[in-house]
Each structure stands twice: as C-alpha cells, then as structure tokens.
Amino acid sequence: QTGGSLRLSCAASGRTSWDWYATGWFRQAPGKG
C-alpha cells in the first residue's frame, strides 16, 4: 500500500576482474524508460 515498505534482495554468483566493482538497482515503470 501507499506509504508502506518493501525490501528487495539480490543474490550474486560468479566473479569479475573489475578494479572497481559496484552493484545497484534500476527500475522501469509502465510507459517509462
């Protein structure tokens, strides 16, 4: 409901060789990029 809370989680597996590594979130709403 509006005003409520929710928690998302993301489980990662595998490896990279990046010197600088970041994780995060994007979203796509209906009718938007």
PDB file of all heavy atoms in Angstrom:
ATOM      1  N   GLN A   1       0.823  -1.199   0.000  1.00  0.00           N
ATOM      2  CA  GLN A   1       0.000   0.000   0.000  1.00  0.00           C
ATOM      3  C   GLN A   1       0.863   1.257   0.000  1.00  0.00           C
ATOM      4  O   GLN A   1       2.022   1.240   0.427  1.00  0.00           O
ATOM      5  CB  GLN A   1      -0.923   0.017   1.219  1.00  0.00           C
ATOM      6  CG  GLN A   1      -1.853  -1.169   1.327  1.00  0.00           C
ATOM      7  CD  GLN A   1      -2.937  -1.151   0.271  1.00  0.00           C
ATOM      8  OE1 GLN A   1      -3.380  -0.087  -0.163  1.00  0.00           O
ATOM      9  NE2 GLN A   1      -3.375  -2.327  -0.146  1.00  0.00           N
ATOM     10  N   THR A   2       0.288   2.345  -0.472  1.00  0.00           N
ATOM     11  CA  THR A   2       0.964   3.630  -0.415  1.00  0.00           C
ATOM     12  C   THR A   2       1.404   3.942   1.013  1.00  0.00           C
ATOM     13  O   THR A   2       0.634   3.777   1.956  1.00  0.00           O
ATOM     14  CB  THR A   2       0.058   4.744  -0.938  1.00  0.00           C
ATOM     15  OG1 THR A   2      -0.225   4.515  -2.320  1.00  0.00           O
ATOM     16  CG2 THR A   2       0.699   6.107  -0.770  1.00  0.00           C
ATOM     17  N   GLY A   3       2.651   4.375   1.161  1.00  0.00           N
ATOM     18  CA  GLY A   3       3.212   4.659   2.466  1.00  0.00           C
ATOM     19  C   GLY A   3       3.882   3.477   3.129  1.00  0.00           C
ATOM     20  O   GLY A   3       4.549   3.651   4.154  1.00  0.00           O
ATOM     21  N   GLY A   4       3.732   2.313   2.561  1.00  0.00           N
ATOM     22  CA  GLY A   4       4.308   1.113   3.122  1.00  0.00           C
ATOM     23  C   GLY A   4       5.760   0.924   2.724  1.00  0.00           C
ATOM     24  O   GLY A   4       6.372   1.766   2.066  1.00  0.00           O
ATOM     25  N   SER A   5       6.293  -0.215   3.128  1.00  0.00           N
ATOM     26  CA  SER A   5       7.695  -0.533   2.897  1.00  0.00           C
ATOM     27  C   SER A   5       7.832  -1.903   2.259  1.00  0.00           C
ATOM     28  O   SER A   5       6.970  -2.772   2.404  1.00  0.00           O
ATOM     29  CB  SER A   5       8.480  -0.514   4.209  1.00  0.00           C
ATOM     30  OG  SER A   5       8.466   0.764   4.803  1.00  0.00           O
ATOM     31  N   LEU A   6       8.940  -2.076   1.577  1.00  0.00           N
ATOM     32  CA  LEU A   6       9.238  -3.329   0.918  1.00  0.00           C
ATOM     33  C   LEU A   6      10.750  -3.456   0.825  1.00  0.00           C
ATOM     34  O   LEU A   6      11.446  -2.440   0.685  1.00  0.00           O
ATOM     35  CB  LEU A   6       8.613  -3.364  -0.473  1.00  0.00           C
ATOM     36  CG  LEU A   6       8.278  -4.713  -1.113  1.00  0.00           C
ATOM     37  CD1 LEU A   6       7.272  -5.475  -0.274  1.00  0.00           C
ATOM     38  CD2 LEU A   6       7.730  -4.494  -2.513  1.00  0.00           C
ATOM     39  N   ARG A   7      11.240  -4.678   0.889  1.00  0.00           N
ATOM     40  CA  ARG A   7      12.672  -4.907   0.772  1.00  0.00           C
ATOM     41  C   ARG A   7      12.947  -5.870  -0.369  1.00  0.00           C
ATOM     42  O   ARG A   7      12.370  -6.956  -0.423  1.00  0.00           O
ATOM     43  CB  ARG A   7      13.263  -5.466   2.063  1.00  0.00           C
ATOM     44  CG  ARG A   7      14.765  -5.707   1.967  1.00  0.00           C
ATOM     45  CD  ARG A   7      15.388  -6.102   3.292  1.00  0.00           C
ATOM     46  NE  ARG A   7      16.803  -6.410   3.154  1.00  0.00           N
ATOM     47  CZ  ARG A   7      17.770  -5.510   3.146  1.00  0.00           C
ATOM     48  NH1 ARG A   7      17.475  -4.218   3.288  1.00  0.00           N
ATOM     49  NH2 ARG A   7      19.044  -5.883   3.010  1.00  0.00           N
ATOM     50  N   LEU A   8      13.843  -5.465  -1.254  1.00  0.00           N
ATOM     51  CA  LEU A   8      14.320  -6.304  -2.333  1.00  0.00           C
ATOM     52  C   LEU A   8      15.708  -6.839  -1.989  1.00  0.00           C
ATOM     53  O   LEU A   8      16.503  -6.160  -1.335  1.00  0.00           O
ATOM     54  CB  LEU A   8      14.396  -5.528  -3.647  1.00  0.00           C
ATOM     55  CG  LEU A   8      13.122  -4.835  -4.129  1.00  0.00           C
ATOM     56  CD1 LEU A   8      13.385  -4.144  -5.459  1.00  0.00           C
ATOM     57  CD2 LEU A   8      11.981  -5.831  -4.261  1.00  0.00           C
ATOM     58  N   SER A   9      15.985  -8.041  -2.455  1.00  0.00           N
ATOM     59  CA  SER A   9      17.300  -8.625  -2.290  1.00  0.00           C
ATOM     60  C   SER A   9      17.801  -9.126  -3.638  1.00  0.00           C
ATOM     61  O   SER A   9      17.013  -9.488  -4.511  1.00  0.00           O
ATOM     62  CB  SER A   9      17.273  -9.786  -1.287  1.00  0.00           C
ATOM     63  OG  SER A   9      16.908  -9.336  -0.001  1.00  0.00           O
ATOM     64  N   CYS A  10      19.103  -9.146  -3.778  1.00  0.00           N
ATOM     65  CA  CYS A  10      19.739  -9.616  -4.998  1.00  0.00           C
ATOM     66  C   CYS A  10      20.884 -10.540  -4.620  1.00  0.00           C
ATOM     67  O   CYS A  10      21.825 -10.111  -3.941  1.00  0.00           O
ATOM     68  CB  CYS A  10      20.240  -8.437  -5.829  1.00  0.00           C
ATOM     69  SG  CYS A  10      21.137  -8.914  -7.322  1.00  0.00           S
ATOM     70  N   ALA A  11      20.797 -11.783  -5.044  1.00  0.00           N
ATOM     71  CA  ALA A  11      21.851 -12.754  -4.813  1.00  0.00           C
ATOM     72  C   ALA A  11      22.761 -12.814  -6.029  1.00  0.00           C
ATOM     73  O   ALA A  11      22.285 -12.965  -7.157  1.00  0.00           O
ATOM     74  CB  ALA A  11      21.261 -14.132  -4.522  1.00  0.00           C
ATOM     75  N   ALA A  12      24.050 -12.690  -5.796  1.00  0.00           N
ATOM     76  CA  ALA A  12      25.029 -12.664  -6.868  1.00  0.00           C
ATOM     77  C   ALA A  12      25.894 -13.914  -6.832  1.00  0.00           C
ATOM     78  O   ALA A  12      26.237 -14.414  -5.765  1.00  0.00           O
ATOM     79  CB  ALA A  12      25.912 -11.422  -6.769  1.00  0.00           C
ATOM     80  N   SER A  13      26.245 -14.397  -8.008  1.00  0.00           N
ATOM     81  CA  SER A  13      27.178 -15.503  -8.130  1.00  0.00           C
ATOM     82  C   SER A  13      28.110 -15.235  -9.303  1.00  0.00           C
ATOM     83  O   SER A  13      27.768 -14.504 -10.233  1.00  0.00           O
ATOM     84  CB  SER A  13      26.451 -16.837  -8.321  1.00  0.00           C
ATOM     85  OG  SER A  13      25.682 -16.828  -9.510  1.00  0.00           O
ATOM     86  N   GLY A  14      29.290 -15.828  -9.260  1.00  0.00           N
ATOM     87  CA  GLY A  14      30.294 -15.587 -10.268  1.00  0.00           C
ATOM     88  C   GLY A  14      31.299 -14.541  -9.813  1.00  0.00           C
ATOM     89  O   GLY A  14      31.191 -13.987  -8.710  1.00  0.00           O
ATOM     90  N   ARG A  15      32.241 -14.270 -10.664  1.00  0.00           N
ATOM     91  CA  ARG A  15      33.323 -13.348 -10.339  1.00  0.00           C
ATOM     92  C   ARG A  15      33.613 -12.440 -11.518  1.00  0.00           C
ATOM     93  O   ARG A  15      33.307 -12.759 -12.665  1.00  0.00           O
ATOM     94  CB  ARG A  15      34.595 -14.121  -9.973  1.00  0.00           C
ATOM     95  CG  ARG A  15      34.450 -15.045  -8.790  1.00  0.00           C
ATOM     96  CD  ARG A  15      35.750 -15.748  -8.488  1.00  0.00           C
ATOM     97  NE  ARG A  15      35.590 -16.737  -7.435  1.00  0.00           N
ATOM     98  CZ  ARG A  15      35.658 -16.470  -6.138  1.00  0.00           C
ATOM     99  NH1 ARG A  15      35.871 -15.225  -5.721  1.00  0.00           N
ATOM    100  NH2 ARG A  15      35.497 -17.440  -5.248  1.00  0.00           N
ATOM    101  N   THR A  16      34.218 -11.297 -11.187  1.00  0.00           N
ATOM    102  CA  THR A  16      34.694 -10.358 -12.194  1.00  0.00           C
ATOM    103  C   THR A  16      36.131  -9.971 -11.885  1.00  0.00           C
ATOM    104  O   THR A  16      36.649 -10.231 -10.800  1.00  0.00           O
ATOM    105  CB  THR A  16      33.831  -9.096 -12.251  1.00  0.00           C
ATOM    106  OG1 THR A  16      34.077  -8.294 -11.095  1.00  0.00           O
ATOM    107  CG2 THR A  16      32.347  -9.448 -12.307  1.00  0.00           C
ATOM    108  N   SER A  17      36.788  -9.339 -12.847  1.00  0.00           N
ATOM    109  CA  SER A  17      38.137  -8.833 -12.666  1.00  0.00           C
ATOM    110  C   SER A  17      38.171  -7.311 -12.591  1.00  0.00           C
ATOM    111  O   SER A  17      39.224  -6.715 -12.766  1.00  0.00           O
ATOM    112  CB  SER A  17      39.040  -9.317 -13.805  1.00  0.00           C
ATOM    113  OG  SER A  17      38.568  -8.874 -15.060  1.00  0.00           O
ATOM    114  N   TRP A  18      37.028  -6.703 -12.330  1.00  0.00           N
ATOM    115  CA  TRP A  18      36.971  -5.250 -12.270  1.00  0.00           C
ATOM    116  C   TRP A  18      37.781  -4.719 -11.088  1.00  0.00           C
ATOM    117  O   TRP A  18      37.725  -5.264  -9.986  1.00  0.00           O
ATOM    118  CB  TRP A  18      35.522  -4.777 -12.139  1.00  0.00           C
ATOM    119  CG  TRP A  18      34.656  -5.188 -13.277  1.00  0.00           C
ATOM    120  CD1 TRP A  18      34.983  -5.208 -14.603  1.00  0.00           C
ATOM    121  CD2 TRP A  18      33.302  -5.636 -13.188  1.00  0.00           C
ATOM    122  NE1 TRP A  18      33.914  -5.643 -15.351  1.00  0.00           N
ATOM    123  CE2 TRP A  18      32.870  -5.911 -14.510  1.00  0.00           C
ATOM    124  CE3 TRP A  18      32.420  -5.830 -12.131  1.00  0.00           C
ATOM    125  CZ2 TRP A  18      31.580  -6.364 -14.790  1.00  0.00           C
ATOM    126  CZ3 TRP A  18      31.129  -6.282 -12.410  1.00  0.00           C
ATOM    127  CH2 TRP A  18      30.722  -6.541 -13.729  1.00  0.00           C
ATOM    128  N   ASP A  19      38.522  -3.645 -11.318  1.00  0.00           N
ATOM    129  CA  ASP A  19      39.228  -2.988 -10.236  1.00  0.00           C
ATOM    130  C   ASP A  19      38.268  -2.288  -9.288  1.00  0.00           C
ATOM    131  O   ASP A  19      38.454  -2.295  -8.072  1.00  0.00           O
ATOM    132  CB  ASP A  19      40.243  -1.989 -10.794  1.00  0.00           C
ATOM    133  CG  ASP A  19      41.377  -2.652 -11.547  1.00  0.00           C
ATOM    134  OD1 ASP A  19      41.685  -3.824 -11.252  1.00  0.00           O
ATOM    135  OD2 ASP A  19      41.959  -2.001 -12.434  1.00  0.00           O
ATOM    136  N   TRP A  20      37.272  -1.674  -9.868  1.00  0.00           N
ATOM    137  CA  TRP A  20      36.214  -1.027  -9.111  1.00  0.00           C
ATOM    138  C   TRP A  20      34.902  -1.714  -9.449  1.00  0.00           C
ATOM    139  O   TRP A  20      34.498  -1.768 -10.607  1.00  0.00           O
ATOM    140  CB  TRP A  20      36.127   0.460  -9.434  1.00  0.00           C
ATOM    141  CG  TRP A  20      37.297   1.240  -8.933  1.00  0.00           C
ATOM    142  CD1 TRP A  20      38.518   1.367  -9.521  1.00  0.00           C
ATOM    143  CD2 TRP A  20      37.350   1.994  -7.723  1.00  0.00           C
ATOM    144  NE1 TRP A  20      39.325   2.154  -8.760  1.00  0.00           N
ATOM    145  CE2 TRP A  20      38.636   2.561  -7.646  1.00  0.00           C
ATOM    146  CE3 TRP A  20      36.433   2.251  -6.705  1.00  0.00           C
ATOM    147  CZ2 TRP A  20      39.026   3.374  -6.584  1.00  0.00           C
ATOM    148  CZ3 TRP A  20      36.814   3.060  -5.650  1.00  0.00           C
ATOM    149  CH2 TRP A  20      38.097   3.605  -5.599  1.00  0.00           C
ATOM    150  N   TYR A  21      34.225  -2.220  -8.455  1.00  0.00           N
ATOM    151  CA  TYR A  21      33.021  -3.011  -8.622  1.00  0.00           C
ATOM    152  C   TYR A  21      31.864  -2.347  -7.893  1.00  0.00           C
ATOM    153  O   TYR A  21      32.025  -1.825  -6.787  1.00  0.00           O
ATOM    154  CB  TYR A  21      33.246  -4.421  -8.074  1.00  0.00           C
ATOM    155  CG  TYR A  21      32.088  -5.365  -8.252  1.00  0.00           C
ATOM    156  CD1 TYR A  21      31.893  -6.015  -9.460  1.00  0.00           C
ATOM    157  CD2 TYR A  21      31.209  -5.615  -7.209  1.00  0.00           C
ATOM    158  CE1 TYR A  21      30.833  -6.894  -9.620  1.00  0.00           C
ATOM    159  CE2 TYR A  21      30.155  -6.487  -7.360  1.00  0.00           C
ATOM    160  CZ  TYR A  21      29.966  -7.125  -8.563  1.00  0.00           C
ATOM    161  OH  TYR A  21      28.920  -7.997  -8.722  1.00  0.00           O
ATOM    162  N   ALA A  22      30.710  -2.376  -8.516  1.00  0.00           N
ATOM    163  CA  ALA A  22      29.521  -1.794  -7.910  1.00  0.00           C
ATOM    164  C   ALA A  22      28.309  -2.641  -8.255  1.00  0.00           C
ATOM    165  O   ALA A  22      28.238  -3.261  -9.323  1.00  0.00           O
ATOM    166  CB  ALA A  22      29.303  -0.353  -8.384  1.00  0.00           C
ATOM    167  N   THR A  23      27.368  -2.660  -7.355  1.00  0.00           N
ATOM    168  CA  THR A  23      26.064  -3.257  -7.609  1.00  0.00           C
ATOM    169  C   THR A  23      24.995  -2.225  -7.313  1.00  0.00           C
ATOM    170  O   THR A  23      25.234  -1.249  -6.594  1.00  0.00           O
ATOM    171  CB  THR A  23      25.826  -4.513  -6.763  1.00  0.00           C
ATOM    172  OG1 THR A  23      25.972  -4.197  -5.373  1.00  0.00           O
ATOM    173  CG2 THR A  23      26.819  -5.608  -7.139  1.00  0.00           C
ATOM    174  N   GLY A  24      23.824  -2.445  -7.843  1.00  0.00           N
ATOM    175  CA  GLY A  24      22.762  -1.487  -7.614  1.00  0.00           C
ATOM    176  C   GLY A  24      21.466  -1.921  -8.245  1.00  0.00           C
ATOM    177  O   GLY A  24      21.264  -3.094  -8.580  1.00  0.00           O
ATOM    178  N   TRP A  25      20.591  -0.945  -8.390  1.00  0.00           N
ATOM    179  CA  TRP A  25      19.241  -1.192  -8.865  1.00  0.00           C
ATOM    180  C   TRP A  25      18.814  -0.150  -9.876  1.00  0.00           C
ATOM    181  O   TRP A  25      19.128   1.044  -9.748  1.00  0.00           O
ATOM    182  CB  TRP A  25      18.249  -1.174  -7.691  1.00  0.00           C
ATOM    183  CG  TRP A  25      18.491  -2.237  -6.676  1.00  0.00           C
ATOM    184  CD1 TRP A  25      19.326  -2.171  -5.606  1.00  0.00           C
ATOM    185  CD2 TRP A  25      17.889  -3.531  -6.645  1.00  0.00           C
ATOM    186  NE1 TRP A  25      19.281  -3.349  -4.900  1.00  0.00           N
ATOM    187  CE2 TRP A  25      18.409  -4.200  -5.511  1.00  0.00           C
ATOM    188  CE3 TRP A  25      16.965  -4.189  -7.452  1.00  0.00           C
ATOM    189  CZ2 TRP A  25      18.023  -5.500  -5.175  1.00  0.00           C
ATOM    190  CZ3 TRP A  25      16.587  -5.479  -7.118  1.00  0.00           C
ATOM    191  CH2 TRP A  25      17.115  -6.115  -5.990  1.00  0.00           C
ATOM    192  N   PHE A  26      18.104  -0.601 -10.880  1.00  0.00           N
ATOM    193  CA  PHE A  26      17.362   0.234 -11.799  1.00  0.00           C
ATOM    194  C   PHE A  26      15.900  -0.197 -11.752  1.00  0.00           C
ATOM    195  O   PHE A  26      15.574  -1.270 -11.247  1.00  0.00           O
ATOM    196  CB  PHE A  26      17.892   0.106 -13.229  1.00  0.00           C
ATOM    197  CG  PHE A  26      19.226   0.739 -13.460  1.00  0.00           C
ATOM    198  CD1 PHE A  26      20.382   0.163 -12.959  1.00  0.00           C
ATOM    199  CD2 PHE A  26      19.338   1.911 -14.196  1.00  0.00           C
ATOM    200  CE1 PHE A  26      21.618   0.740 -13.173  1.00  0.00           C
ATOM    201  CE2 PHE A  26      20.577   2.494 -14.426  1.00  0.00           C
ATOM    202  CZ  PHE A  26      21.708   1.913 -13.911  1.00  0.00           C
ATOM    203  N   ARG A  27      15.043   0.637 -12.292  1.00  0.00           N
ATOM    204  CA  ARG A  27      13.638   0.273 -12.375  1.00  0.00           C
ATOM    205  C   ARG A  27      13.044   0.810 -13.664  1.00  0.00           C
ATOM    206  O   ARG A  27      13.560   1.760 -14.255  1.00  0.00           O
ATOM    207  CB  ARG A  27      12.847   0.792 -11.178  1.00  0.00           C
ATOM    208  CG  ARG A  27      12.691   2.306 -11.140  1.00  0.00           C
ATOM    209  CD  ARG A  27      12.004   2.741  -9.862  1.00  0.00           C
ATOM    210  NE  ARG A  27      11.783   4.174  -9.819  1.00  0.00           N
ATOM    211  CZ  ARG A  27      11.290   4.826  -8.773  1.00  0.00           C
ATOM    212  NH1 ARG A  27      10.960   4.155  -7.679  1.00  0.00           N
ATOM    213  NH2 ARG A  27      11.118   6.142  -8.825  1.00  0.00           N
ATOM    214  N   GLN A  28      11.960   0.200 -14.077  1.00  0.00           N
ATOM    215  CA  GLN A  28      11.247   0.628 -15.263  1.00  0.00           C
ATOM    216  C   GLN A  28       9.759   0.639 -14.948  1.00  0.00           C
ATOM    217  O   GLN A  28       9.159  -0.409 -14.713  1.00  0.00           O
ATOM    218  CB  GLN A  28      11.542  -0.276 -16.458  1.00  0.00           C
ATOM    219  CG  GLN A  28      10.954   0.230 -17.756  1.00  0.00           C
ATOM    220  CD  GLN A  28      11.534  -0.472 -18.971  1.00  0.00           C
ATOM    221  OE1 GLN A  28      12.203  -1.497 -18.852  1.00  0.00           O
ATOM    222  NE2 GLN A  28      11.293   0.086 -20.136  1.00  0.00           N
ATOM    223  N   ALA A  29       9.195   1.827 -14.934  1.00  0.00           N
ATOM    224  CA  ALA A  29       7.775   1.997 -14.674  1.00  0.00           C
ATOM    225  C   ALA A  29       7.000   1.874 -15.979  1.00  0.00           C
ATOM    226  O   ALA A  29       7.557   2.063 -17.068  1.00  0.00           O
ATOM    227  CB  ALA A  29       7.511   3.354 -14.027  1.00  0.00           C
ATOM    228  N   PRO A  30       5.707   1.566 -15.885  1.00  0.00           N
ATOM    229  CA  PRO A  30       4.896   1.477 -17.095  1.00  0.00           C
ATOM    230  C   PRO A  30       4.961   2.760 -17.910  1.00  0.00           C
ATOM    231  O   PRO A  30       4.758   3.855 -17.378  1.00  0.00           O
ATOM    232  CB  PRO A  30       3.482   1.224 -16.565  1.00  0.00           C
ATOM    233  CG  PRO A  30       3.694   0.569 -15.240  1.00  0.00           C
ATOM    234  CD  PRO A  30       4.928   1.217 -14.678  1.00  0.00           C
ATOM    235  N   GLY A  31       5.269   2.636 -19.179  1.00  0.00           N
ATOM    236  CA  GLY A  31       5.330   3.782 -20.063  1.00  0.00           C
ATOM    237  C   GLY A  31       6.574   4.631 -19.928  1.00  0.00           C
ATOM    238  O   GLY A  31       6.644   5.702 -20.537  1.00  0.00           O
ATOM    239  N   LYS A  32       7.557   4.194 -19.152  1.00  0.00           N
ATOM    240  CA  LYS A  32       8.778   4.952 -18.941  1.00  0.00           C
ATOM    241  C   LYS A  32       9.995   4.097 -19.274  1.00  0.00           C
ATOM    242  O   LYS A  32       9.918   2.871 -19.342  1.00  0.00           O
ATOM    243  CB  LYS A  32       8.875   5.450 -17.503  1.00  0.00           C
ATOM    244  CG  LYS A  32       7.787   6.419 -17.088  1.00  0.00           C
ATOM    245  CD  LYS A  32       7.939   6.841 -15.645  1.00  0.00           C
ATOM    246  CE  LYS A  32       9.257   7.544 -15.397  1.00  0.00           C
ATOM    247  NZ  LYS A  32       9.394   7.977 -13.977  1.00  0.00           N
ATOM    248  N   GLY A  33      11.130   4.771 -19.457  1.00  0.00           N
ATOM    249  CA  GLY A  33      12.373   4.079 -19.670  1.00  0.00           C
ATOM    250  C   GLY A  33      12.997   3.613 -18.367  1.00  0.00           C
ATOM    251  O   GLY A  33      12.494   3.878 -17.278  1.00  0.00           O
TER     252      GLY A  33
END
